[in-house]
C-alpha atoms as a PDB file:
ATOM      1  CA  MET A   1     -59.871  -7.439   8.518  1.00  0.00           C
ATOM      2  CA  SER A   2     -62.260  -6.431   5.786  1.00  0.00           C
ATOM      3  CA  ARG A   3     -63.762  -8.873   3.354  1.00  0.00           C
ATOM      4  CA  TYR A   4     -62.335  -8.591  -0.148  1.00  0.00           C
ATOM      5  CA  GLU A   5     -65.806  -7.993  -1.565  1.00  0.00           C
ATOM      6  CA  GLU A   6     -66.182  -4.896   0.634  1.00  0.00           C
ATOM      7  CA  LEU A   7     -63.209  -3.125  -0.916  1.00  0.00           C
ATOM      8  CA  ALA A   8     -63.707  -0.516  -3.625  1.00  0.00           C
ATOM      9  CA  GLY A   9     -62.596  -1.297  -7.163  1.00  0.00           C
ATOM     10  CA  ASP A  10     -59.786   1.230  -6.922  1.00  0.00           C
ATOM     11  CA  ALA A  11     -58.457  -0.257  -3.673  1.00  0.00           C
ATOM     12  CA  LYS A  12     -54.681  -0.550  -3.885  1.00  0.00           C
ATOM     13  CA  LEU A  13     -53.437  -4.105  -4.254  1.00  0.00           C
ATOM     14  CA  TRP A  14     -50.029  -5.779  -4.034  1.00  0.00           C
ATOM     15  CA  VAL A  15     -49.148  -9.299  -5.145  1.00  0.00           C
ATOM     16  CA  PHE A  16     -46.003 -10.964  -3.818  1.00  0.00           C
ATOM     17  CA  ILE A  17     -44.886 -14.213  -5.461  1.00  0.00           C
ATOM     18  CA  ALA A  18     -43.008 -16.794  -3.420  1.00  0.00           C
ATOM     19  CA  ASN A  19     -39.987 -18.441  -4.993  1.00  0.00           C
ATOM     20  CA  ARG A  20     -41.342 -21.813  -3.876  1.00  0.00           C
ATOM     21  CA  PRO A  21     -44.728 -23.221  -2.906  1.00  0.00           C
ATOM     22  CA  LEU A  22     -45.556 -22.731   0.758  1.00  0.00           C
ATOM     23  CA  SER A  23     -46.478 -25.825   2.723  1.00  0.00           C
ATOM     24  CA  ASP A  24     -50.041 -25.886   4.033  1.00  0.00           C
ATOM     25  CA  ALA A  25     -48.677 -25.271   7.550  1.00  0.00           C
ATOM     26  CA  GLU A  26     -46.602 -22.306   6.355  1.00  0.00           C
ATOM     27  CA  ALA A  27     -49.553 -20.864   4.432  1.00  0.00           C
ATOM     28  CA  ALA A  28     -51.788 -21.142   7.512  1.00  0.00           C
ATOM     29  CA  ALA A  29     -49.195 -19.506   9.773  1.00  0.00           C
ATOM     30  CA  ILE A  30     -48.338 -16.753   7.296  1.00  0.00           C
ATOM     31  CA  GLY A  31     -52.038 -16.157   6.617  1.00  0.00           C
ATOM     32  CA  ALA A  32     -52.649 -15.649  10.334  1.00  0.00           C
ATOM     33  CA  GLU A  33     -49.753 -13.189  10.524  1.00  0.00           C
ATOM     34  CA  MET A  34     -51.051 -11.361   7.449  1.00  0.00           C
ATOM     35  CA  ARG A  35     -54.497 -11.013   9.032  1.00  0.00           C
ATOM     36  CA  GLY A  36     -52.878  -9.611  12.169  1.00  0.00           C
ATOM     37  CA  PHE A  37     -50.993  -7.080  10.065  1.00  0.00           C
ATOM     38  CA  THR A  38     -53.972  -5.961   7.991  1.00  0.00           C
ATOM     39  CA  ASP A  39     -56.167  -5.748  11.109  1.00  0.00           C
ATOM     40  CA  SER A  40     -53.836  -3.068  12.474  1.00  0.00           C
ATOM     41  CA  TRP A  41     -52.557  -1.424   9.248  1.00  0.00           C
ATOM     42  CA  LEU A  42     -52.626   2.354   9.601  1.00  0.00           C
ATOM     43  CA  SER A  43     -52.357   5.197   7.102  1.00  0.00           C
ATOM     44  CA  HIS A  44     -52.309   8.808   8.263  1.00  0.00           C
ATOM     45  CA  GLY A  45     -53.076   7.481  11.748  1.00  0.00           C
ATOM     46  CA  SER A  46     -56.324   5.803  10.699  1.00  0.00           C
ATOM     47  CA  LEU A  47     -57.041   2.113  10.395  1.00  0.00           C
ATOM     48  CA  LEU A  48     -57.174   1.028   6.771  1.00  0.00           C
ATOM     49  CA  LYS A  49     -59.995  -1.002   5.344  1.00  0.00           C
ATOM     50  CA  ALA A  50     -57.683  -3.835   4.313  1.00  0.00           C
ATOM     51  CA  HIS A  51     -57.670  -7.460   3.271  1.00  0.00           C
ATOM     52  CA  SER A  52     -54.982 -10.097   2.853  1.00  0.00           C
ATOM     53  CA  GLU A  53     -54.966 -13.649   1.589  1.00  0.00           C
ATOM     54  CA  ILE A  54     -52.774 -16.384   0.200  1.00  0.00           C
ATOM     55  CA  LYS A  55     -53.653 -17.969  -3.124  1.00  0.00           C
ATOM     56  CA  ASN A  56     -52.282 -21.248  -4.476  1.00  0.00           C
ATOM     57  CA  ASN A  57     -49.812 -21.373  -1.551  1.00  0.00           C
ATOM     58  CA  LEU A  58     -47.669 -19.108  -3.763  1.00  0.00           C
ATOM     59  CA  PHE A  59     -49.159 -15.608  -3.806  1.00  0.00           C
ATOM     60  CA  LEU A  60     -49.427 -13.238  -0.852  1.00  0.00           C
ATOM     61  CA  ILE A  61     -52.016 -10.596  -1.654  1.00  0.00           C
ATOM     62  CA  PHE A  62     -52.611  -7.392   0.265  1.00  0.00           C
ATOM     63  CA  ALA A  63     -55.346  -4.903  -0.583  1.00  0.00           C
ATOM     64  CA  ALA A  64     -56.180  -1.614   1.086  1.00  0.00           C
ATOM     65  CA  ASP A  65     -58.992   0.827   0.473  1.00  0.00           C
ATOM     66  CA  ALA A  66     -57.722   4.275   1.404  1.00  0.00           C
ATOM     67  CA  GLN A  67     -61.294   5.603   0.947  1.00  0.00           C
ATOM     68  CA  GLY A  68     -60.376   8.433  -1.402  1.00  0.00           C
ATOM     69  CA  ASP A  69     -57.265   9.366   0.541  1.00  0.00           C
ATOM     70  CA  SER A  70     -53.891   8.370  -0.768  1.00  0.00           C
ATOM     71  CA  MET A  71     -51.997   5.921   1.380  1.00  0.00           C
ATOM     72  CA  CYS A  72     -49.100   7.431   3.220  1.00  0.00           C
ATOM     73  CA  GLY A  73     -45.597   6.250   2.430  1.00  0.00           C
ATOM     74  CA  ARG A  74     -45.181   4.952   5.970  1.00  0.00           C
ATOM     75  CA  ALA A  75     -48.138   2.590   5.495  1.00  0.00           C
ATOM     76  CA  ILE A  76     -46.599   1.173   2.329  1.00  0.00           C
ATOM     77  CA  ASP A  77     -43.184   0.966   3.999  1.00  0.00           C
ATOM     78  CA  ALA A  78     -44.771  -0.913   6.914  1.00  0.00           C
ATOM     79  CA  SER A  79     -46.150  -3.534   4.528  1.00  0.00           C
ATOM     80  CA  VAL A  80     -42.746  -4.030   2.882  1.00  0.00           C
ATOM     81  CA  ARG A  81     -41.062  -4.344   6.289  1.00  0.00           C
ATOM     82  CA  PHE A  82     -43.694  -6.915   7.255  1.00  0.00           C
ATOM     83  CA  VAL A  83     -43.062  -8.941   4.080  1.00  0.00           C
ATOM     84  CA  LYS A  84     -39.302  -8.818   4.755  1.00  0.00           C
ATOM     85  CA  VAL A  85     -39.949 -10.273   8.225  1.00  0.00           C
ATOM     86  CA  LEU A  86     -41.954 -13.093   6.625  1.00  0.00           C
ATOM     87  CA  GLU A  87     -39.108 -13.779   4.185  1.00  0.00           C
ATOM     88  CA  THR A  88     -36.619 -14.172   7.011  1.00  0.00           C
ATOM     89  CA  LYS A  89     -38.908 -16.127   9.307  1.00  0.00           C
ATOM     90  CA  TYR A  90     -40.011 -18.651   6.658  1.00  0.00           C
ATOM     91  CA  GLY A  91     -36.927 -18.768   4.418  1.00  0.00           C
ATOM     92  CA  VAL A  92     -38.802 -17.717   1.310  1.00  0.00           C
ATOM     93  CA  SER A  93     -38.170 -14.959  -1.231  1.00  0.00           C
ATOM     94  CA  LEU A  94     -41.193 -12.695  -1.741  1.00  0.00           C
ATOM     95  CA  LEU A  95     -39.708  -9.393  -2.918  1.00  0.00           C
ATOM     96  CA  ASN A  96     -37.849 -10.622  -5.996  1.00  0.00           C
ATOM     97  CA  ARG A  97     -39.471  -8.705  -8.853  1.00  0.00           C
ATOM     98  CA  ASN A  98     -37.813 -11.053 -11.348  1.00  0.00           C
ATOM     99  CA  LEU A  99     -40.137 -13.851 -10.226  1.00  0.00           C
ATOM    100  CA  MET A 100     -43.266 -14.650 -12.166  1.00  0.00           C
ATOM    101  CA  ALA A 101     -45.802 -17.462 -12.067  1.00  0.00           C
ATOM    102  CA  TYR A 102     -47.579 -19.624 -14.607  1.00  0.00           C
ATOM    103  CA  THR A 103     -49.985 -22.543 -14.720  1.00  0.00           C
ATOM    104  CA  ALA A 104     -48.018 -25.660 -15.642  1.00  0.00           C
ATOM    105  CA  LYS A 105     -49.349 -28.415 -17.896  1.00  0.00           C
ATOM    106  CA  ASP A 106     -50.349 -30.437 -14.821  1.00  0.00           C
ATOM    107  CA  GLY A 107     -52.545 -27.536 -13.651  1.00  0.00           C
ATOM    108  CA  LYS A 108     -50.277 -26.539 -10.776  1.00  0.00           C
ATOM    109  CA  VAL A 109     -49.120 -22.968 -10.418  1.00  0.00           C
ATOM    110  CA  GLN A 110     -45.337 -22.666 -10.574  1.00  0.00           C
ATOM    111  CA  SER A 111     -42.957 -19.771 -10.092  1.00  0.00           C
ATOM    112  CA  CYS A 112     -39.866 -19.094 -12.152  1.00  0.00           C
ATOM    113  CA  LEU A 113     -37.499 -16.281 -12.982  1.00  0.00           C
ATOM    114  CA  LEU A 114     -38.309 -14.115 -15.987  1.00  0.00           C
ATOM    115  CA  SER A 115     -34.917 -15.077 -17.388  1.00  0.00           C
ATOM    116  CA  GLU A 116     -36.060 -18.739 -17.487  1.00  0.00           C
ATOM    117  CA  LEU A 117     -39.073 -18.118 -19.739  1.00  0.00           C
ATOM    118  CA  HIS A 118     -37.235 -18.520 -23.023  1.00  0.00           C
ATOM    119  CA  HIS A 119     -35.821 -21.888 -21.905  1.00  0.00           C
ATOM    120  CA  LEU A 120     -39.268 -23.014 -20.692  1.00  0.00           C
ATOM    121  CA  MET A 121     -40.647 -22.155 -24.144  1.00  0.00           C
ATOM    122  CA  GLU A 122     -37.850 -24.092 -25.871  1.00  0.00           C
ATOM    123  CA  THR A 123     -38.480 -27.187 -23.755  1.00  0.00           C
ATOM    124  CA  GLY A 124     -42.245 -27.024 -24.269  1.00  0.00           C
ATOM    125  CA  GLU A 125     -42.976 -26.553 -20.563  1.00  0.00           C
ATOM    126  CA  ILE A 126     -44.897 -23.414 -21.501  1.00  0.00           C
ATOM    127  CA  THR A 127     -46.545 -22.240 -24.718  1.00  0.00           C
ATOM    128  CA  PRO A 128     -47.970 -18.918 -25.883  1.00  0.00           C
ATOM    129  CA  GLU A 129     -51.332 -20.133 -24.481  1.00  0.00           C
ATOM    130  CA  THR A 130     -49.983 -20.877 -20.986  1.00  0.00           C
ATOM    131  CA  LEU A 131     -51.765 -18.801 -18.354  1.00  0.00           C
ATOM    132  CA  VAL A 132     -49.414 -16.458 -16.540  1.00  0.00           C
ATOM    133  CA  PHE A 133     -50.015 -14.225 -13.529  1.00  0.00           C
ATOM    134  CA  ASN A 134     -49.547 -10.475 -13.680  1.00  0.00           C
ATOM    135  CA  ASN A 135     -47.876  -9.485 -10.423  1.00  0.00           C
ATOM    136  CA  LEU A 136     -47.887  -5.834 -11.546  1.00  0.00           C
ATOM    137  CA  VAL A 137     -51.620  -5.288 -11.059  1.00  0.00           C
ATOM    138  CA  SER A 138     -52.047  -2.315  -8.736  1.00  0.00           C
ATOM    139  CA  ASN A 139     -55.697  -2.278  -7.720  1.00  0.00           C
ATOM    140  CA  LYS A 140     -58.682  -4.540  -7.206  1.00  0.00           C
ATOM    141  CA  ASN A 141     -60.193  -3.835 -10.643  1.00  0.00           C
ATOM    142  CA  GLU A 142     -56.945  -4.714 -12.429  1.00  0.00           C
ATOM    143  CA  PHE A 143     -56.574  -7.824 -10.294  1.00  0.00           C
ATOM    144  CA  GLU A 144     -60.040  -9.047 -11.238  1.00  0.00           C
ATOM    145  CA  LYS A 145     -59.685  -8.256 -14.942  1.00  0.00           C
ATOM    146  CA  ALA A 146     -56.028  -8.819 -15.719  1.00  0.00           C
ATOM    147  CA  TRP A 147     -54.354 -10.971 -13.067  1.00  0.00           C
ATOM    148  CA  THR A 148     -54.165 -13.915 -15.454  1.00  0.00           C
ATOM    149  CA  ALA A 149     -53.722 -13.942 -19.207  1.00  0.00           C
ATOM    150  CA  PRO A 150     -52.229 -16.175 -21.877  1.00  0.00           C
ATOM    151  CA  LEU A 151     -48.473 -15.660 -22.023  1.00  0.00           C
ATOM    152  CA  SER A 152     -48.672 -14.256 -25.569  1.00  0.00           C
ATOM    153  CA  GLU A 153     -51.019 -11.494 -24.342  1.00  0.00           C
ATOM    154  CA  SER A 154     -48.968 -10.579 -21.267  1.00  0.00           C
ATOM    155  CA  TRP A 155     -46.116  -8.200 -20.527  1.00  0.00           C
ATOM    156  CA  GLN A 156     -43.989 -11.306 -19.786  1.00  0.00           C
ATOM    157  CA  TRP A 157     -44.160 -12.362 -23.461  1.00  0.00           C
ATOM    158  CA  ARG A 158     -41.141 -10.240 -24.371  1.00  0.00           C
ATOM    159  CA  TYR A 159     -39.037 -12.365 -21.989  1.00  0.00           C
ATOM    160  CA  ALA A 160     -40.276 -15.610 -23.542  1.00  0.00           C
ATOM    161  CA  GLU A 161     -39.390 -14.404 -27.038  1.00  0.00           C
ATOM    162  CA  ALA A 162     -36.020 -12.970 -26.057  1.00  0.00           C
ATOM    163  CA  LEU A 163     -32.905 -14.742 -27.197  1.00  0.00           C
ATOM    164  CA  PRO A 164     -31.015 -16.333 -24.341  1.00  0.00           C
ATOM    165  CA  SER A 165     -27.943 -14.403 -23.270  1.00  0.00           C
ATOM    166  CA  ASN A 166     -24.597 -16.159 -23.565  1.00  0.00           C
END
């Protein structure tokens, strides 16, 4: 596995948010499986320069430097199949694109559904200044510059402002 620092700024990056915090034991086991996957991740028959890590026991992050060559669809499909295996094995949802994460008032990172943002604003659990995580970043540069932002400056803001559906 490559070190994160060794990857180019345009290295492709995927962030998967868990629907619940992983226990330390789960994070260690999943992290080991992720390293095994990225150590053997192929695109166009060649080993990718890739990195994986778990942050805050909530985010699974994969990055791959295709070194100027676009990643083949089979390589991307392999990563999704791998994440699906993790979901089943550990009883956690990782592919739900309606999940997002924020830093709660107690400093812990929490996940929630986008549809819950308006309610969280109404109850004061989150504010426009609450840091949220952008799971739509697509490369290392975006991850480093725009992975976190205040809610009011994020794409998620429109969900916080939306009127609840009846």
